[in-house]
PDB file of N, CA and C in Angstrom:
ATOM      1  N   UNK A   1     -20.662 -13.299  -9.249  1.00  0.00           N
ATOM      2  CA  UNK A   1     -19.462 -12.893 -10.456  1.00  0.00           C
ATOM      3  C   UNK A   1     -19.346 -11.796  -8.228  1.00  0.00           C
ATOM      4  N   UNK A   2     -20.219 -10.937  -8.502  1.00  0.00           N
ATOM      5  CA  UNK A   2     -20.460 -10.138  -7.654  1.00  0.00           C
ATOM      6  C   UNK A   2     -20.414 -10.029  -6.889  1.00  0.00           C
ATOM      7  N   UNK A   3     -20.103 -11.679  -5.841  1.00  0.00           N
ATOM      8  CA  UNK A   3     -19.356 -11.770  -4.255  1.00  0.00           C
ATOM      9  C   UNK A   3     -18.480 -11.356  -4.298  1.00  0.00           C
ATOM     10  N   UNK A   4     -17.251 -12.270  -5.365  1.00  0.00           N
ATOM     11  CA  UNK A   4     -16.171 -12.315  -5.561  1.00  0.00           C
ATOM     12  C   UNK A   4     -15.406 -10.990  -5.653  1.00  0.00           C
ATOM     13  N   UNK A   5     -16.445  -9.940  -5.557  1.00  0.00           N
ATOM     14  CA  UNK A   5     -15.922  -8.654  -5.866  1.00  0.00           C
ATOM     15  C   UNK A   5     -16.127  -7.774  -4.853  1.00  0.00           C
ATOM     16  N   UNK A   6     -16.717  -8.263  -4.345  1.00  0.00           N
ATOM     17  CA  UNK A   6     -17.578  -7.347  -2.518  1.00  0.00           C
ATOM     18  C   UNK A   6     -16.275  -8.323  -1.223  1.00  0.00           C
ATOM     19  N   UNK A   7     -16.572  -9.391  -2.344  1.00  0.00           N
ATOM     20  CA  UNK A   7     -14.978 -10.260  -1.574  1.00  0.00           C
ATOM     21  C   UNK A   7     -13.810  -9.576  -1.033  1.00  0.00           C
ATOM     22  N   UNK A   8     -13.558  -9.294  -2.212  1.00  0.00           N
ATOM     23  CA  UNK A   8     -12.065  -8.128  -2.625  1.00  0.00           C
ATOM     24  C   UNK A   8     -11.806  -7.108  -2.388  1.00  0.00           C
ATOM     25  N   UNK A   9     -13.362  -6.126  -2.331  1.00  0.00           N
ATOM     26  CA  UNK A   9     -12.930  -4.800  -1.559  1.00  0.00           C
ATOM     27  C   UNK A   9     -13.540  -4.950  -0.035  1.00  0.00           C
ATOM     28  N   UNK A  10     -13.927  -5.481   0.712  1.00  0.00           N
ATOM     29  CA  UNK A  10     -13.469  -6.183   2.085  1.00  0.00           C
ATOM     30  C   UNK A  10     -12.269  -6.593   2.634  1.00  0.00           C
ATOM     31  N   UNK A  11     -11.578  -7.370   1.854  1.00  0.00           N
ATOM     32  CA  UNK A  11     -10.375  -7.573   1.886  1.00  0.00           C
ATOM     33  C   UNK A  11      -9.079  -6.758   1.480  1.00  0.00           C
ATOM     34  N   UNK A  12      -9.395  -5.515   1.131  1.00  0.00           N
ATOM     35  CA  UNK A  12      -9.306  -3.924   0.980  1.00  0.00           C
ATOM     36  C   UNK A  12      -9.322  -3.641   2.084  1.00  0.00           C
ATOM     37  N   UNK A  13     -10.444  -3.234   2.139  1.00  0.00           N
ATOM     38  CA  UNK A  13     -11.261  -2.763   3.938  1.00  0.00           C
ATOM     39  C   UNK A  13     -10.126  -3.203   4.917  1.00  0.00           C
ATOM     40  N   UNK A  14     -10.009  -4.549   5.268  1.00  0.00           N
ATOM     41  CA  UNK A  14      -9.498  -5.179   6.518  1.00  0.00           C
ATOM     42  C   UNK A  14      -7.651  -4.785   6.526  1.00  0.00           C
ATOM     43  N   UNK A  15      -6.944  -4.383   4.887  1.00  0.00           N
ATOM     44  CA  UNK A  15      -5.775  -3.739   4.425  1.00  0.00           C
ATOM     45  C   UNK A  15      -5.488  -2.567   4.740  1.00  0.00           C
ATOM     46  N   UNK A  16      -6.579  -1.555   5.032  1.00  0.00           N
ATOM     47  CA  UNK A  16      -6.113  -0.497   5.255  1.00  0.00           C
ATOM     48  C   UNK A  16      -7.036  -0.402   6.354  1.00  0.00           C
ATOM     49  N   UNK A  17      -7.665  -0.420   7.145  1.00  0.00           N
ATOM     50  CA  UNK A  17      -8.061  -0.728   8.908  1.00  0.00           C
ATOM     51  C   UNK A  17      -6.926  -0.627   9.584  1.00  0.00           C
ATOM     52  N   UNK A  18      -5.926  -1.921   9.405  1.00  0.00           N
ATOM     53  CA  UNK A  18      -4.712  -2.893   9.352  1.00  0.00           C
ATOM     54  C   UNK A  18      -3.722  -1.159   9.370  1.00  0.00           C
ATOM     55  N   UNK A  19      -3.056  -0.549   8.842  1.00  0.00           N
ATOM     56  CA  UNK A  19      -2.873   0.193   8.581  1.00  0.00           C
ATOM     57  C   UNK A  19      -3.442   1.910   9.694  1.00  0.00           C
ATOM     58  N   UNK A  20      -4.820   2.390   9.133  1.00  0.00           N
ATOM     59  CA  UNK A  20      -4.619   2.780   9.757  1.00  0.00           C
ATOM     60  C   UNK A  20      -5.303   2.777  11.720  1.00  0.00           C
ATOM     61  N   UNK A  21      -5.096   1.913  12.038  1.00  0.00           N
ATOM     62  CA  UNK A  21      -5.134   1.589  13.677  1.00  0.00           C
ATOM     63  C   UNK A  21      -6.670   1.789  13.691  1.00  0.00           C
ATOM     64  N   UNK A  22      -7.282   0.903  13.251  1.00  0.00           N
ATOM     65  CA  UNK A  22      -8.516   0.906  13.414  1.00  0.00           C
ATOM     66  C   UNK A  22      -9.185   0.264  14.773  1.00  0.00           C
ATOM     67  N   UNK A  23     -10.400   0.359  14.991  1.00  0.00           N
ATOM     68  CA  UNK A  23     -10.521  -0.458  16.130  1.00  0.00           C
ATOM     69  C   UNK A  23     -10.870  -2.051  16.033  1.00  0.00           C
ATOM     70  N   UNK A  24     -11.190  -2.307  16.620  1.00  0.00           N
ATOM     71  CA  UNK A  24     -11.098  -4.408  16.434  1.00  0.00           C
ATOM     72  C   UNK A  24     -12.582  -4.460  16.056  1.00  0.00           C
ATOM     73  N   UNK A  25     -13.543  -4.135  16.141  1.00  0.00           N
ATOM     74  CA  UNK A  25     -15.112  -4.288  16.116  1.00  0.00           C
ATOM     75  C   UNK A  25     -15.234  -3.970  14.360  1.00  0.00           C
ATOM     76  N   UNK A  26     -14.040  -2.928  13.762  1.00  0.00           N
ATOM     77  CA  UNK A  26     -14.513  -2.830  12.480  1.00  0.00           C
ATOM     78  C   UNK A  26     -13.665  -4.043  11.744  1.00  0.00           C
ATOM     79  N   UNK A  27     -12.300  -4.048  12.366  1.00  0.00           N
ATOM     80  CA  UNK A  27     -12.466  -5.938  11.930  1.00  0.00           C
ATOM     81  C   UNK A  27     -13.560  -7.073  12.402  1.00  0.00           C
ATOM     82  N   UNK A  28     -13.438  -7.442  13.172  1.00  0.00           N
ATOM     83  CA  UNK A  28     -14.355  -7.901  13.242  1.00  0.00           C
ATOM     84  C   UNK A  28     -15.798  -8.498  12.767  1.00  0.00           C
ATOM     85  N   UNK A  29     -16.574  -6.740  12.080  1.00  0.00           N
ATOM     86  CA  UNK A  29     -18.269  -7.011  11.185  1.00  0.00           C
ATOM     87  C   UNK A  29     -16.970  -6.799  10.391  1.00  0.00           C
ATOM     88  N   UNK A  30     -16.193  -6.850   9.257  1.00  0.00           N
ATOM     89  CA  UNK A  30     -15.783  -6.712   7.574  1.00  0.00           C
ATOM     90  C   UNK A  30     -14.684  -8.336   8.380  1.00  0.00           C
ATOM     91  N   UNK A  31     -14.645  -9.130   9.110  1.00  0.00           N
ATOM     92  CA  UNK A  31     -14.100 -10.181   8.481  1.00  0.00           C
ATOM     93  C   UNK A  31     -16.001 -11.202   8.891  1.00  0.00           C
ATOM     94  N   UNK A  32     -16.376 -10.746   9.615  1.00  0.00           N
ATOM     95  CA  UNK A  32     -17.534 -11.604   9.198  1.00  0.00           C
ATOM     96  C   UNK A  32     -18.742 -11.542   7.789  1.00  0.00           C
ATOM     97  N   UNK A  33     -18.403 -10.420   7.311  1.00  0.00           N
ATOM     98  CA  UNK A  33     -18.985 -10.096   5.775  1.00  0.00           C
ATOM     99  C   UNK A  33     -18.226 -10.733   4.921  1.00  0.00           C
ATOM    100  N   UNK A  34     -16.951 -10.523   4.914  1.00  0.00           N
ATOM    101  CA  UNK A  34     -15.970 -11.989   4.276  1.00  0.00           C
ATOM    102  C   UNK A  34     -16.810 -12.999   4.365  1.00  0.00           C
ATOM    103  N   UNK A  35     -16.551 -13.842   5.373  1.00  0.00           N
ATOM    104  CA  UNK A  35     -16.844 -15.017   6.101  1.00  0.00           C
ATOM    105  C   UNK A  35     -18.588 -15.254   5.354  1.00  0.00           C
ATOM    106  N   UNK A  36     -19.728 -14.774   5.938  1.00  0.00           N
ATOM    107  CA  UNK A  36     -21.079 -15.016   5.335  1.00  0.00           C
ATOM    108  C   UNK A  36     -21.318 -15.037   3.607  1.00  0.00           C
ATOM    109  N   UNK A  37     -19.908 -13.623   2.839  1.00  0.00           N
ATOM    110  CA  UNK A  37     -19.815 -14.166   0.917  1.00  0.00           C
ATOM    111  C   UNK A  37     -19.127 -14.725   0.410  1.00  0.00           C
ATOM    112  N   UNK A  38     -18.159 -15.599   1.708  1.00  0.00           N
ATOM    113  CA  UNK A  38     -17.699 -16.722   0.450  1.00  0.00           C
ATOM    114  C   UNK A  38     -18.078 -17.368   1.334  1.00  0.00           C
ATOM    115  N   UNK A  39     -18.700 -18.314   2.051  1.00  0.00           N
ATOM    116  CA  UNK A  39     -19.870 -19.605   2.685  1.00  0.00           C
ATOM    117  C   UNK A  39     -20.816 -19.146   1.255  1.00  0.00           C
ATOM    118  N   UNK A  40     -20.889 -18.269   1.055  1.00  0.00           N
ATOM    119  CA  UNK A  40     -22.634 -17.766   0.099  1.00  0.00           C
ATOM    120  C   UNK A  40     -22.051 -18.715  -1.353  1.00  0.00           C
ATOM    121  N   UNK A  41     -20.663 -17.801  -1.750  1.00  0.00           N
ATOM    122  CA  UNK A  41     -20.105 -18.367  -2.837  1.00  0.00           C
ATOM    123  C   UNK A  41     -20.256 -19.761  -3.330  1.00  0.00           C
ATOM    124  N   UNK A  42     -19.604 -20.009  -2.196  1.00  0.00           N
ATOM    125  CA  UNK A  42     -18.739 -21.306  -2.659  1.00  0.00           C
ATOM    126  C   UNK A  42     -20.454 -22.782  -2.273  1.00  0.00           C
ATOM    127  N   UNK A  43     -21.237 -21.901  -1.196  1.00  0.00           N
ATOM    128  CA  UNK A  43     -21.819 -23.232  -1.999  1.00  0.00           C
ATOM    129  C   UNK A  43     -23.595 -22.975  -2.737  1.00  0.00           C
ATOM    130  N   UNK A  44     -22.925 -21.660  -3.279  1.00  0.00           N
ATOM    131  CA  UNK A  44     -23.575 -21.599  -4.842  1.00  0.00           C
ATOM    132  C   UNK A  44     -22.838 -22.460  -5.675  1.00  0.00           C
ATOM    133  N   UNK A  45     -21.974 -21.983  -6.469  1.00  0.00           N
ATOM    134  CA  UNK A  45     -20.981 -22.842  -6.807  1.00  0.00           C
ATOM    135  C   UNK A  45     -20.917 -24.403  -7.048  1.00  0.00           C
ATOM    136  N   UNK A  46     -21.246 -25.379  -6.628  1.00  0.00           N
ATOM    137  CA  UNK A  46     -21.721 -26.387  -5.782  1.00  0.00           C
ATOM    138  C   UNK A  46     -22.978 -27.106  -6.382  1.00  0.00           C
ATOM    139  N   UNK A  47     -23.531 -25.702  -6.926  1.00  0.00           N
ATOM    140  CA  UNK A  47     -25.692 -26.350  -7.627  1.00  0.00           C
ATOM    141  C   UNK A  47     -24.666 -26.326  -9.025  1.00  0.00           C
TER     142      UNK A  47
END
């Protein structure tokens, strides 16, 4: 459950970064974190 909350917060960060004109590297880092947590949560639900 906590991974979904972190995914939601990271998604919110992406939206905030988009409106503030943040550097592309921040989008890449946050995107990679979202992918890792989403895959982890998806694989965990299969068990």
